[in-house]
Amino acid sequence: MSLTPQGQDTPSDQELSEQALHGDGGHGTKKAGRSRRVLRWSATVMAVVILGTAGAGYLYYRHLNDNIHKDALNIGDEKDRAAGTKANAAGQTALNILLIGSDARDTEENQKLGGAKETFGGVPLADVQMLLHVSADRSNMSVVSMPRDTLLDIPKCTDPDTGKVYEASTTTVMTNQSLGRGGPGCTVATWEKLTDIHIDHFMMIDFSGVVSMADAIGGVPVCVSDNVYSHTSDGHGSGLKLKKGTTSVKGKQALQWLRTRYGFEDGSDLARAKAQHMYMNSMVRELRASAKLTNPTKLQSLAEAATKAITVDNGLGTITKMYDLADELKKVPTDRITMTTMPNEYVGARVKPTADAAKLFRMVREDIALDGKDKKKTPAATATATADPAAADDRIAVQVRNGTATDLLAPVPGRAKAVTELLTGKGFTEAKADTSAATAEATTLIRYPSADLKGDAERVAKALGIPASAVEKSTAVSGVTLVVGADWRSGTTYKAPADEDKTPDTAQAINASDTSQCMQVNPAYTW
């Protein structure tokens, strides 16, 4: 898929060859063992795609192609995948890129930088996962981080190199385990299953890659509320030591900032994600404002470091495609970039997604700007990879459940039967009422288990006047399932609530142009 705008030419192979320098060659596609040994600090990989803001012609150097490592995009089962992203009325399509990494200490250099000798050569963990969403009209960009401790279901994945099958998890497990189940394609599959958001590409980076990238970029300003030293008496902590105020960090110190948990706020992974967002925002501002990146030598150094540091999916595995992507991303103004964290709640020492998380995912899925500055959108047109079309109404099997219970009100008796009769009267003769005990669902929803039934679910929604935002993919159901919620306790006409297309406060949104952000230091880690 070419990301180049219509009418704009990309260089031919001959033109690339004529511009090429003689580099070190690299190794092309990374071997399976190494391709999965990547790292958490996906934040810095933003530098690659932002390069288009300043003389990105250097990205065309042919030899850089040999530096890029590649792996499969999605190695989950087809039934767990999200349908392709729909284009808007103007034919424009949003882009979704997953930035992922792990804690693996797989080389001497990464071991030295990461510590934790007991984990050397262990199974890689995807400790940072960020979904980068670029709107269809390129007017805004949203980033959603998922805490590494998030408990969820990991789908069945098949290692593309060895053929080993990792069966779907039978219990909820931490999301960072997905990377060790066949590679980054399983992390992508996990995100698609949870969010029903189609992912176009992924990008990954390792410890040593972060350091080389940070050095090539130059200093990135970060701020702390007090003197901070991330170090405990028993040897834990990133080692970050900064004075109160703003400091420009690069190299190893930048890596320490991105890894710091002990010392920031409550010491949780949530605080670390917030610090990473601040770094990314500051880095974007620096890259876009830095005159030194118009210097050919500086830009070449950054391009070399970037291409050697990252692993991408096969669809993004050439310099031309990466430049096309950069060219799209540079269209987004800095003040329209929003960083968020998936809304969550604690389950013991771990977390799980909340209803606000589902709302945030829906906004991304429907291409609604998280900064609240969207103009009224025109309806979606065709899809790039649509679900199967709906079957005839009389052939769509629908199970209707009573979800009208609330904390204060008992469920409405016979409600599932009443809505089933309504559906039957509209021609859905395969509709059946679920006779099991009523549940509590605040709003009416239509769930479907796989992409091939999405069209059927949407058809049921349209027939009942239920908004498309209430149609969601869920592996908790075996077929199209209508849950009549507490917002439809009576009557035969569903009255949809006003859309609340506002980013939940629990997403902790940060705008990339906000230079006032400063990490709060835990008093136990001051000096």
Protein backbone atom coordinates (compact mmCIF):
# COMPACT_ATOMS: atom_id res chain seq x y z
CA MET A 1 0.00 0.00 0.00
CA SER A 2 1.44 3.36 -1.01
CA LEU A 3 0.90 6.22 1.40
CA THR A 4 1.97 8.82 -1.13
CA PRO A 5 -0.78 11.38 -1.80
CA GLN A 6 -2.42 11.12 -5.20
CA GLY A 7 -0.46 12.98 -7.83
CA GLN A 8 2.82 13.01 -5.89
CA ASP A 9 5.68 10.99 -7.35
CA THR A 10 7.98 8.76 -5.36
CA PRO A 11 11.52 8.11 -6.53
CA SER A 12 12.14 5.24 -8.89
CA ASP A 13 14.67 2.53 -8.12
CA GLN A 14 17.02 4.18 -10.61
CA GLU A 15 16.72 7.52 -8.84
CA LEU A 16 17.29 5.86 -5.49
CA SER A 17 20.33 4.05 -6.85
CA GLU A 18 21.81 7.26 -8.18
CA GLN A 19 21.40 8.91 -4.78
CA ALA A 20 22.62 5.95 -2.74
CA LEU A 21 25.65 5.92 -0.52
CA HIS A 22 27.69 2.81 0.23
CA GLY A 23 26.70 1.70 3.71
CA ASP A 24 27.55 -1.30 5.87
CA GLY A 25 24.98 -3.58 4.23
CA GLY A 26 23.09 -4.85 7.27
CA HIS A 27 21.30 -8.19 7.19
CA GLY A 28 17.90 -7.64 5.55
CA THR A 29 15.18 -9.69 7.21
CA LYS A 30 16.07 -10.43 10.79
CA LYS A 31 16.32 -14.04 11.95
CA ALA A 32 13.43 -15.25 14.06
CA GLY A 33 15.41 -15.40 17.29
CA ARG A 34 16.59 -11.83 16.99
CA SER A 35 13.52 -10.31 15.36
CA ARG A 36 11.53 -10.77 18.54
CA ARG A 37 14.26 -9.48 20.85
CA VAL A 38 13.32 -5.89 20.83
CA LEU A 39 12.56 -3.45 23.42
CA ARG A 40 10.20 -1.26 25.19
CA TRP A 41 11.15 2.21 24.18
CA SER A 42 8.93 2.55 21.17
CA ALA A 43 8.69 6.24 21.98
CA THR A 44 11.90 7.12 20.15
CA VAL A 45 10.89 5.37 16.96
CA MET A 46 8.69 8.41 16.37
CA ALA A 47 11.88 10.08 15.15
CA VAL A 48 11.83 7.93 12.03
CA VAL A 49 8.39 8.96 10.97
CA ILE A 50 8.81 12.60 11.93
CA LEU A 51 11.92 12.88 9.76
CA GLY A 52 9.74 14.00 6.92
CA THR A 53 9.51 17.41 8.59
CA ALA A 54 13.06 18.41 7.71
CA GLY A 55 14.77 17.46 4.49
CA ALA A 56 13.75 13.81 4.58
CA GLY A 57 15.25 13.25 1.16
CA TYR A 58 18.14 11.57 2.91
CA LEU A 59 15.81 8.68 3.72
CA TYR A 60 16.04 7.70 0.07
CA TYR A 61 19.60 6.45 0.36
CA ARG A 62 19.35 2.99 -1.01
CA HIS A 63 21.75 1.32 1.39
CA LEU A 64 19.49 2.17 4.34
CA ASN A 65 17.06 -0.49 3.11
CA ASP A 66 19.56 -3.13 4.17
CA ASN A 67 19.49 -1.85 7.76
CA ILE A 68 15.77 -2.44 8.24
CA HIS A 69 14.63 -5.60 10.06
CA LYS A 70 11.20 -7.02 9.20
CA ASP A 71 8.62 -9.42 10.66
CA ALA A 72 5.00 -10.53 10.05
CA LEU A 73 2.27 -8.00 10.84
CA ASN A 74 -0.48 -10.17 12.37
CA ILE A 75 -0.06 -13.85 13.27
CA GLY A 76 -3.43 -14.35 14.94
CA ASP A 77 -6.40 -16.26 13.55
CA GLU A 78 -8.58 -14.52 11.00
CA LYS A 79 -11.60 -14.61 13.34
CA ASP A 80 -9.77 -12.45 15.89
CA ARG A 81 -8.80 -9.75 13.39
CA ALA A 82 -10.50 -6.40 12.99
CA ALA A 83 -12.15 -5.47 9.71
CA GLY A 84 -10.23 -3.04 7.51
CA THR A 85 -10.46 0.66 8.29
CA LYS A 86 -13.27 2.42 6.42
CA ALA A 87 -12.50 5.38 4.20
CA ASN A 88 -14.34 8.67 4.69
CA ALA A 89 -16.53 10.29 2.04
CA ALA A 90 -13.44 11.87 0.47
CA GLY A 91 -11.80 8.46 0.08
CA GLN A 92 -9.20 9.12 2.79
CA THR A 93 -8.25 6.37 5.23
CA ALA A 94 -6.91 6.62 8.77
CA LEU A 95 -3.60 4.96 9.70
CA ASN A 96 -3.03 2.85 12.82
CA ILE A 97 0.56 2.02 13.81
CA LEU A 98 1.46 -0.04 16.88
CA LEU A 99 4.69 0.95 18.63
CA ILE A 100 5.90 -2.03 20.67
CA GLY A 101 8.97 -3.29 22.47
CA SER A 102 10.25 -5.61 25.18
CA ASP A 103 12.46 -5.95 28.21
CA ALA A 104 14.66 -8.64 26.63
CA ARG A 105 18.38 -8.50 27.45
CA ASP A 106 19.52 -10.34 24.34
CA THR A 107 22.96 -8.86 23.66
CA GLU A 108 25.88 -7.76 25.81
CA GLU A 109 25.09 -4.15 25.00
CA ASN A 110 21.42 -4.49 25.90
CA GLN A 111 22.39 -6.40 29.06
CA LYS A 112 24.71 -3.61 30.10
CA LEU A 113 22.04 -0.98 29.49
CA GLY A 114 19.11 -2.94 30.93
CA GLY A 115 20.63 -4.71 33.91
CA ALA A 116 18.69 -7.62 35.45
CA LYS A 117 21.27 -10.28 34.57
CA GLU A 118 18.89 -13.06 35.57
CA THR A 119 16.70 -12.24 32.55
CA PHE A 120 19.47 -12.49 29.95
CA GLY A 121 18.21 -14.45 26.94
CA GLY A 122 14.73 -14.86 28.44
CA VAL A 123 11.39 -14.67 26.67
CA PRO A 124 10.84 -11.08 25.48
CA LEU A 125 8.02 -9.10 27.09
CA ALA A 126 6.18 -6.26 25.34
CA ASP A 127 6.46 -3.84 28.22
CA VAL A 128 5.49 -0.78 26.19
CA GLN A 129 2.64 -0.76 23.70
CA MET A 130 1.39 2.44 22.08
CA LEU A 131 -1.20 2.71 19.33
CA LEU A 132 -0.52 5.66 17.04
CA HIS A 133 -3.66 6.75 15.15
CA VAL A 134 -3.43 9.27 12.32
CA SER A 135 -6.79 10.66 11.22
CA ALA A 136 -8.01 10.05 7.69
CA ASP A 137 -7.74 13.74 6.79
CA ARG A 138 -4.34 14.00 8.53
CA SER A 139 -5.62 16.84 10.70
CA ASN A 140 -4.84 15.14 14.02
CA MET A 141 -2.97 12.28 15.67
CA SER A 142 -3.79 10.26 18.77
CA VAL A 143 -1.60 7.92 20.82
CA VAL A 144 -3.06 5.38 23.26
CA SER A 145 -0.71 3.58 25.66
CA MET A 146 -1.66 0.26 27.23
CA PRO A 147 -0.05 -0.41 30.64
CA ARG A 148 2.16 -3.50 30.52
CA ASP A 149 0.31 -4.97 33.54
CA THR A 150 -3.06 -4.96 31.76
CA LEU A 151 -4.90 -8.26 32.17
CA LEU A 152 -6.63 -9.52 29.03
CA ASP A 153 -7.12 -12.52 26.75
CA ILE A 154 -4.33 -13.24 24.28
CA PRO A 155 -5.59 -14.89 21.08
CA LYS A 156 -4.18 -17.95 19.34
CA CYS A 157 -0.96 -17.08 17.47
CA THR A 158 1.28 -19.02 15.09
CA ASP A 159 5.01 -18.26 14.87
CA PRO A 160 5.62 -17.50 11.17
CA ASP A 161 9.20 -18.78 11.31
CA THR A 162 8.86 -22.04 13.26
CA GLY A 163 5.19 -22.87 12.75
CA LYS A 164 4.76 -23.26 16.51
CA VAL A 165 1.17 -22.68 17.60
CA TYR A 166 0.46 -20.75 20.81
CA GLU A 167 -3.10 -21.53 21.82
CA ALA A 168 -5.33 -18.73 23.08
CA SER A 169 -4.89 -18.01 26.79
CA THR A 170 -7.47 -19.80 28.93
CA THR A 171 -7.25 -17.14 31.65
CA THR A 172 -6.54 -13.44 31.59
CA VAL A 173 -2.80 -12.75 31.49
CA MET A 174 -0.60 -9.68 31.33
CA THR A 175 -0.54 -8.08 27.90
CA ASN A 176 3.26 -7.91 27.82
CA GLN A 177 3.38 -11.71 27.40
CA SER A 178 2.04 -11.41 23.84
CA LEU A 179 5.46 -10.70 22.31
CA GLY A 180 6.85 -14.04 23.49
CA ARG A 181 4.09 -15.96 21.70
CA GLY A 182 5.47 -15.91 18.17
CA GLY A 183 6.69 -12.33 17.89
CA PRO A 184 5.32 -8.82 17.42
CA GLY A 185 2.55 -10.12 15.17
CA CYS A 186 0.93 -11.65 18.26
CA THR A 187 1.01 -8.29 20.04
CA VAL A 188 -0.76 -6.81 17.01
CA ALA A 189 -3.30 -9.66 17.09
CA THR A 190 -3.92 -9.02 20.80
CA TRP A 191 -4.63 -5.34 20.19
CA GLU A 192 -6.99 -6.06 17.30
CA LYS A 193 -8.93 -8.60 19.34
CA LEU A 194 -9.30 -6.21 22.30
CA THR A 195 -10.03 -2.98 20.43
CA ASP A 196 -11.50 -4.08 17.08
CA ILE A 197 -9.16 -1.47 15.53
CA HIS A 198 -7.41 -2.55 12.33
CA ILE A 199 -3.63 -2.07 12.63
CA ASP A 200 -1.77 -1.15 9.46
CA HIS A 201 1.85 -1.32 10.68
CA PHE A 202 4.08 -1.86 13.71
CA MET A 203 7.49 -0.47 14.68
CA MET A 204 9.86 -1.73 17.41
CA ILE A 205 13.21 -0.74 18.94
CA ASP A 206 15.73 -2.11 21.50
CA PHE A 207 17.81 -0.66 24.40
CA SER A 208 20.90 0.04 22.34
CA GLY A 209 18.71 1.42 19.56
CA VAL A 210 17.19 3.95 21.96
CA VAL A 211 20.63 5.18 22.96
CA SER A 212 21.86 5.52 19.38
CA MET A 213 18.64 7.25 18.32
CA ALA A 214 18.72 9.63 21.28
CA ASP A 215 22.34 10.53 20.49
CA ALA A 216 21.50 11.14 16.83
CA ILE A 217 18.49 13.29 17.68
CA GLY A 218 20.45 15.33 20.22
CA GLY A 219 19.10 16.55 23.53
CA VAL A 220 15.39 16.32 24.35
CA PRO A 221 14.20 18.64 27.15
CA VAL A 222 12.44 16.92 30.08
CA CYS A 223 11.23 18.39 33.37
CA VAL A 224 11.05 17.12 36.96
CA SER A 225 9.37 18.85 39.91
CA ASP A 226 12.29 18.13 42.26
CA ASN A 227 15.75 16.60 42.26
CA VAL A 228 15.28 12.92 41.45
CA TYR A 229 17.43 9.80 41.73
CA SER A 230 15.78 6.58 40.56
CA HIS A 231 17.60 4.13 42.79
CA THR A 232 16.65 1.89 45.72
CA SER A 233 18.77 0.39 48.46
CA ASP A 234 18.37 -3.08 46.93
CA GLY A 235 19.54 -1.96 43.48
CA HIS A 236 16.26 -1.29 41.66
CA GLY A 237 15.61 1.78 39.57
CA SER A 238 16.74 3.18 36.23
CA GLY A 239 19.64 5.18 37.69
CA LEU A 240 18.21 8.47 36.38
CA LYS A 241 19.60 11.41 38.33
CA LEU A 242 18.39 14.91 37.45
CA LYS A 243 18.19 18.29 39.11
CA LYS A 244 14.88 20.07 39.61
CA GLY A 245 13.60 21.79 36.48
CA THR A 246 14.31 21.19 32.81
CA THR A 247 17.27 19.15 31.55
CA SER A 248 18.14 18.15 28.00
CA VAL A 249 18.68 14.36 27.98
CA LYS A 250 20.18 12.13 25.30
CA GLY A 251 21.90 8.77 24.93
CA LYS A 252 21.89 6.60 28.06
CA GLN A 253 20.24 9.32 30.11
CA ALA A 254 17.30 9.40 27.68
CA LEU A 255 16.95 5.63 28.06
CA GLN A 256 16.95 6.04 31.84
CA TRP A 257 14.15 8.60 31.60
CA LEU A 258 12.04 6.26 29.48
CA ARG A 259 12.61 3.36 31.88
CA THR A 260 12.02 5.25 35.14
CA ARG A 261 9.27 3.96 37.37
CA TYR A 262 10.84 4.27 40.82
CA GLY A 263 10.87 8.01 41.47
CA PHE A 264 7.93 9.27 39.41
CA GLU A 265 4.56 9.85 41.08
CA ASP A 266 3.27 6.59 42.62
CA GLY A 267 6.05 4.43 41.17
CA SER A 268 3.67 2.53 38.89
CA ASP A 269 3.86 1.67 35.21
CA LEU A 270 1.16 4.31 34.69
CA ALA A 271 3.57 7.02 35.81
CA ARG A 272 6.26 5.64 33.52
CA ALA A 273 3.86 5.82 30.56
CA LYS A 274 3.15 9.46 31.40
CA ALA A 275 6.89 10.22 31.40
CA GLN A 276 7.24 8.49 28.02
CA HIS A 277 4.42 10.64 26.62
CA MET A 278 6.20 13.77 27.80
CA TYR A 279 9.42 12.63 26.14
CA MET A 280 7.66 11.85 22.88
CA ASN A 281 5.93 15.22 22.82
CA SER A 282 9.17 17.04 23.56
CA MET A 283 11.01 15.01 20.93
CA VAL A 284 8.42 15.88 18.28
CA ARG A 285 8.76 19.57 19.13
CA GLU A 286 12.55 19.34 18.95
CA LEU A 287 12.58 17.51 15.63
CA ARG A 288 10.18 19.95 14.06
CA ALA A 289 11.94 23.03 15.37
CA SER A 290 15.57 21.92 15.18
CA ALA A 291 17.50 23.68 12.43
CA LYS A 292 20.36 21.21 12.80
CA LEU A 293 18.24 18.53 11.10
CA THR A 294 18.58 20.47 7.86
CA ASN A 295 22.30 19.70 8.15
CA PRO A 296 22.98 16.76 5.78
CA THR A 297 25.50 15.12 8.11
CA LYS A 298 23.18 15.31 11.13
CA LEU A 299 20.21 14.03 9.18
CA GLN A 300 22.20 11.17 7.67
CA SER A 301 23.36 10.16 11.15
CA LEU A 302 19.77 10.09 12.39
CA ALA A 303 18.59 8.10 9.37
CA GLU A 304 21.38 5.55 9.86
CA ALA A 305 20.62 5.16 13.56
CA ALA A 306 16.87 4.89 12.96
CA THR A 307 17.01 2.22 10.27
CA LYS A 308 19.45 0.10 12.25
CA ALA A 309 17.44 0.40 15.47
CA ILE A 310 13.96 -0.56 14.35
CA THR A 311 12.04 -3.64 13.29
CA VAL A 312 8.92 -3.11 11.17
CA ASP A 313 6.27 -5.18 9.44
CA ASN A 314 6.89 -6.31 5.87
CA GLY A 315 4.54 -3.67 4.50
CA LEU A 316 6.74 -0.91 5.89
CA GLY A 317 10.09 -2.51 5.13
CA THR A 318 11.61 -0.09 2.61
CA ILE A 319 12.93 3.44 2.83
CA THR A 320 10.45 4.61 0.20
CA LYS A 321 7.50 3.31 2.22
CA MET A 322 8.86 4.80 5.41
CA TYR A 323 9.29 8.14 3.67
CA ASP A 324 5.73 7.94 2.37
CA LEU A 325 4.58 7.36 5.94
CA ALA A 326 6.69 10.26 7.22
CA ASP A 327 5.21 12.47 4.52
CA GLU A 328 1.72 11.67 5.79
CA LEU A 329 2.59 12.20 9.45
CA LYS A 330 4.28 15.54 8.96
CA LYS A 331 0.92 16.97 7.85
CA VAL A 332 -0.40 16.77 11.42
CA PRO A 333 0.19 20.01 13.39
CA THR A 334 1.99 19.58 16.72
CA ASP A 335 -0.94 21.09 18.60
CA ARG A 336 -3.24 18.37 17.22
CA ILE A 337 -1.20 15.47 18.65
CA THR A 338 -2.76 13.93 21.78
CA MET A 339 -1.13 11.36 24.09
CA THR A 340 -3.38 9.20 26.28
CA THR A 341 -3.26 6.14 28.53
CA MET A 342 -5.91 3.43 28.28
CA PRO A 343 -8.41 4.03 31.12
CA ASN A 344 -8.04 1.25 33.65
CA GLU A 345 -8.74 0.09 37.17
CA TYR A 346 -6.66 -1.98 39.55
CA VAL A 347 -7.15 -5.73 39.99
CA GLY A 348 -4.77 -6.44 42.83
CA ALA A 349 -1.40 -5.25 41.57
CA ARG A 350 -2.52 -5.39 37.92
CA VAL A 351 -5.03 -3.40 35.90
CA LYS A 352 -7.89 -4.08 33.50
CA PRO A 353 -9.66 -1.91 30.91
CA THR A 354 -12.74 0.03 32.06
CA ALA A 355 -15.86 1.21 30.23
CA ASP A 356 -13.95 4.42 29.51
CA ALA A 357 -11.34 2.33 27.68
CA ALA A 358 -14.06 0.93 25.41
CA LYS A 359 -15.21 4.49 24.77
CA LEU A 360 -11.67 5.61 23.92
CA PHE A 361 -11.18 2.66 21.55
CA ARG A 362 -14.50 3.48 19.86
CA MET A 363 -13.43 7.08 19.30
CA VAL A 364 -10.19 5.90 17.68
CA ARG A 365 -12.03 3.28 15.64
CA GLU A 366 -14.49 5.93 14.40
CA ASP A 367 -11.67 8.42 13.73
CA ILE A 368 -12.87 10.97 16.28
CA ALA A 369 -10.14 13.39 17.37
CA LEU A 370 -9.20 13.01 21.03
CA ASP A 371 -8.48 16.73 21.40
CA GLY A 372 -12.16 17.60 20.80
CA LYS A 373 -11.37 19.90 17.87
CA ASP A 374 -12.95 17.83 15.12
CA LYS A 375 -15.10 19.41 12.50
CA LYS A 376 -18.35 17.58 11.78
CA LYS A 377 -17.37 14.43 9.92
CA THR A 378 -19.04 13.10 6.81
CA PRO A 379 -20.21 9.47 6.92
CA ALA A 380 -17.75 6.72 6.14
CA ALA A 381 -17.73 5.49 2.58
CA THR A 382 -16.22 2.20 1.49
CA ALA A 383 -13.83 0.06 3.49
CA THR A 384 -10.35 -0.94 2.46
CA ALA A 385 -11.02 -4.47 3.69
CA THR A 386 -14.64 -4.77 4.69
CA ALA A 387 -16.38 -7.46 6.64
CA ASP A 388 -18.67 -9.85 4.81
CA PRO A 389 -21.92 -8.16 3.66
CA ALA A 390 -25.03 -8.83 5.70
CA ALA A 391 -27.13 -11.87 4.99
CA ALA A 392 -30.82 -11.54 4.22
CA ASP A 393 -32.79 -10.43 7.29
CA ASP A 394 -34.61 -13.74 7.60
CA ARG A 395 -31.29 -15.60 7.67
CA ILE A 396 -29.57 -13.56 10.38
CA ALA A 397 -29.53 -15.45 13.67
CA VAL A 398 -29.85 -13.04 16.60
CA GLN A 399 -29.84 -13.89 20.27
CA VAL A 400 -31.60 -11.28 22.42
CA ARG A 401 -30.58 -10.88 26.06
CA ASN A 402 -32.18 -8.90 28.87
CA GLY A 403 -29.61 -6.46 30.29
CA THR A 404 -32.07 -3.97 31.81
CA ALA A 405 -31.04 -4.42 35.45
CA THR A 406 -29.36 -1.50 37.25
CA ASP A 407 -27.95 -0.92 40.73
CA LEU A 408 -31.32 0.51 41.77
CA LEU A 409 -33.83 -1.21 39.50
CA ALA A 410 -34.71 -4.85 38.95
CA PRO A 411 -34.64 -6.09 35.34
CA VAL A 412 -37.80 -5.68 33.30
CA PRO A 413 -39.46 -9.14 33.09
CA GLY A 414 -39.88 -10.47 29.57
CA ARG A 415 -37.90 -7.69 27.96
CA ALA A 416 -35.78 -10.04 25.80
CA LYS A 417 -38.95 -11.73 24.53
CA ALA A 418 -40.58 -8.39 23.71
CA VAL A 419 -37.62 -7.17 21.64
CA THR A 420 -37.35 -10.57 19.96
CA GLU A 421 -40.97 -10.21 18.81
CA LEU A 422 -40.11 -6.72 17.54
CA LEU A 423 -37.24 -8.15 15.47
CA THR A 424 -39.40 -10.99 14.16
CA GLY A 425 -41.97 -8.46 13.04
CA LYS A 426 -39.26 -6.67 11.07
CA GLY A 427 -38.38 -9.87 9.21
CA PHE A 428 -35.60 -11.26 11.46
CA THR A 429 -37.36 -14.60 11.87
CA GLU A 430 -34.23 -16.30 13.26
CA ALA A 431 -34.21 -14.05 16.35
CA LYS A 432 -34.40 -15.94 19.65
CA ALA A 433 -34.83 -14.71 23.21
CA ASP A 434 -32.20 -15.77 25.74
CA THR A 435 -33.96 -17.26 28.78
CA SER A 436 -30.98 -17.03 31.12
CA ALA A 437 -30.92 -14.62 34.06
CA ALA A 438 -30.98 -10.93 33.23
CA THR A 439 -27.78 -8.92 33.48
CA ALA A 440 -26.95 -5.23 33.93
CA GLU A 441 -25.87 -3.26 30.86
CA ALA A 442 -26.09 0.53 31.00
CA THR A 443 -26.65 0.93 27.26
CA THR A 444 -28.02 -1.32 24.55
CA LEU A 445 -25.29 -3.14 22.62
CA ILE A 446 -24.98 -5.52 19.69
CA ARG A 447 -21.99 -7.86 19.87
CA TYR A 448 -20.52 -10.17 17.24
CA PRO A 449 -17.60 -12.64 17.56
CA SER A 450 -15.78 -12.32 14.22
CA ALA A 451 -15.42 -10.08 11.18
CA ASP A 452 -17.64 -12.29 8.99
CA LEU A 453 -20.64 -11.45 11.22
CA LYS A 454 -20.01 -7.71 11.49
CA GLY A 455 -22.25 -6.96 8.52
CA ASP A 456 -25.09 -8.94 10.11
CA ALA A 457 -24.67 -7.10 13.42
CA GLU A 458 -24.69 -3.71 11.68
CA ARG A 459 -27.82 -4.68 9.76
CA VAL A 460 -29.65 -5.52 13.01
CA ALA A 461 -28.53 -2.19 14.49
CA LYS A 462 -29.81 -0.27 11.47
CA ALA A 463 -33.17 -2.04 11.58
CA LEU A 464 -33.67 -1.04 15.24
CA GLY A 465 -32.21 2.47 15.02
CA ILE A 466 -29.28 1.54 17.25
CA PRO A 467 -26.15 3.62 16.47
CA ALA A 468 -23.13 2.00 14.83
CA SER A 469 -21.05 2.93 17.90
CA ALA A 470 -23.09 0.37 19.88
CA VAL A 471 -21.96 -2.48 17.60
CA GLU A 472 -18.82 -4.12 18.95
CA LYS A 473 -16.71 -7.19 18.41
CA SER A 474 -16.53 -9.57 21.37
CA THR A 475 -15.32 -13.14 21.69
CA ALA A 476 -17.60 -13.50 24.72
CA VAL A 477 -20.46 -14.27 22.31
CA SER A 478 -20.79 -17.04 19.73
CA GLY A 479 -23.06 -15.18 17.32
CA VAL A 480 -24.82 -11.86 16.78
CA THR A 481 -26.12 -10.94 20.23
CA LEU A 482 -28.40 -8.01 21.10
CA VAL A 483 -28.20 -6.98 24.75
CA VAL A 484 -31.17 -4.79 25.62
CA GLY A 485 -29.74 -2.31 28.09
CA ALA A 486 -31.09 -0.13 30.89
CA ASP A 487 -31.55 2.69 28.37
CA TRP A 488 -34.34 0.69 26.63
CA ARG A 489 -36.51 -0.65 29.44
CA SER A 490 -39.78 -0.12 27.58
CA GLY A 491 -41.35 0.64 24.20
CA THR A 492 -40.64 -0.55 20.68
CA THR A 493 -38.54 2.40 19.52
CA TYR A 494 -34.96 2.73 20.65
CA LYS A 495 -33.92 6.28 21.47
CA ALA A 496 -30.17 6.53 21.11
CA PRO A 497 -28.43 8.67 23.73
CA ALA A 498 -26.55 11.69 22.49
CA ASP A 499 -23.08 10.70 21.37
CA GLU A 500 -20.45 11.56 23.96
CA ASP A 501 -17.49 12.02 21.67
CA LYS A 502 -15.36 13.50 24.44
CA THR A 503 -12.12 11.90 25.57
CA PRO A 504 -12.61 10.47 29.08
CA ASP A 505 -10.74 12.32 31.82
CA THR A 506 -9.37 8.94 32.89
CA ALA A 507 -7.33 8.80 29.65
CA GLN A 508 -5.01 11.51 31.08
CA ALA A 509 -4.68 13.29 27.74
CA ILE A 510 -1.57 15.40 27.08
CA ASN A 511 -1.23 17.72 24.08
CA ALA A 512 2.10 17.65 22.26
CA SER A 513 2.34 21.45 22.16
CA ASP A 514 2.02 21.77 25.96
CA THR A 515 5.49 22.81 27.20
CA SER A 516 4.37 23.16 30.82
CA GLN A 517 4.34 19.41 31.54
CA CYS A 518 6.63 18.30 34.37
CA MET A 519 6.91 14.91 36.07
CA GLN A 520 6.06 14.92 39.76
CA VAL A 521 8.85 13.33 41.82
CA ASN A 522 8.09 10.91 44.64
CA PRO A 523 9.54 12.46 47.84
CA ALA A 524 11.25 9.15 48.67
CA TYR A 525 13.51 9.57 45.61
CA THR A 526 14.75 13.14 46.00
CA TRP A 527 18.31 14.15 46.79
